[in-house]
């Protein structure tokens, strides 16, 4: 998994796997899911992320695996 924050364009992309996406579906205001033909999720994009997530929360990423 890879998380990228594009501050210039105010977009966060969470990439779950490599590959090409076939469709993009906006599931909420500025929240887009990129999927394969088989409906497997490739990535999630959050547009205007600084309006949706407090900036203090965007400075640090904590990963937990259980």
Foldseek 3Di string as FASTA:
>chain_A
DDWDQDPVQRKIKDFDDDDDFDDWDDPDDQWIFTHHPVRDTGMIMHGNNCVVDPPVVVVDDDDDDD
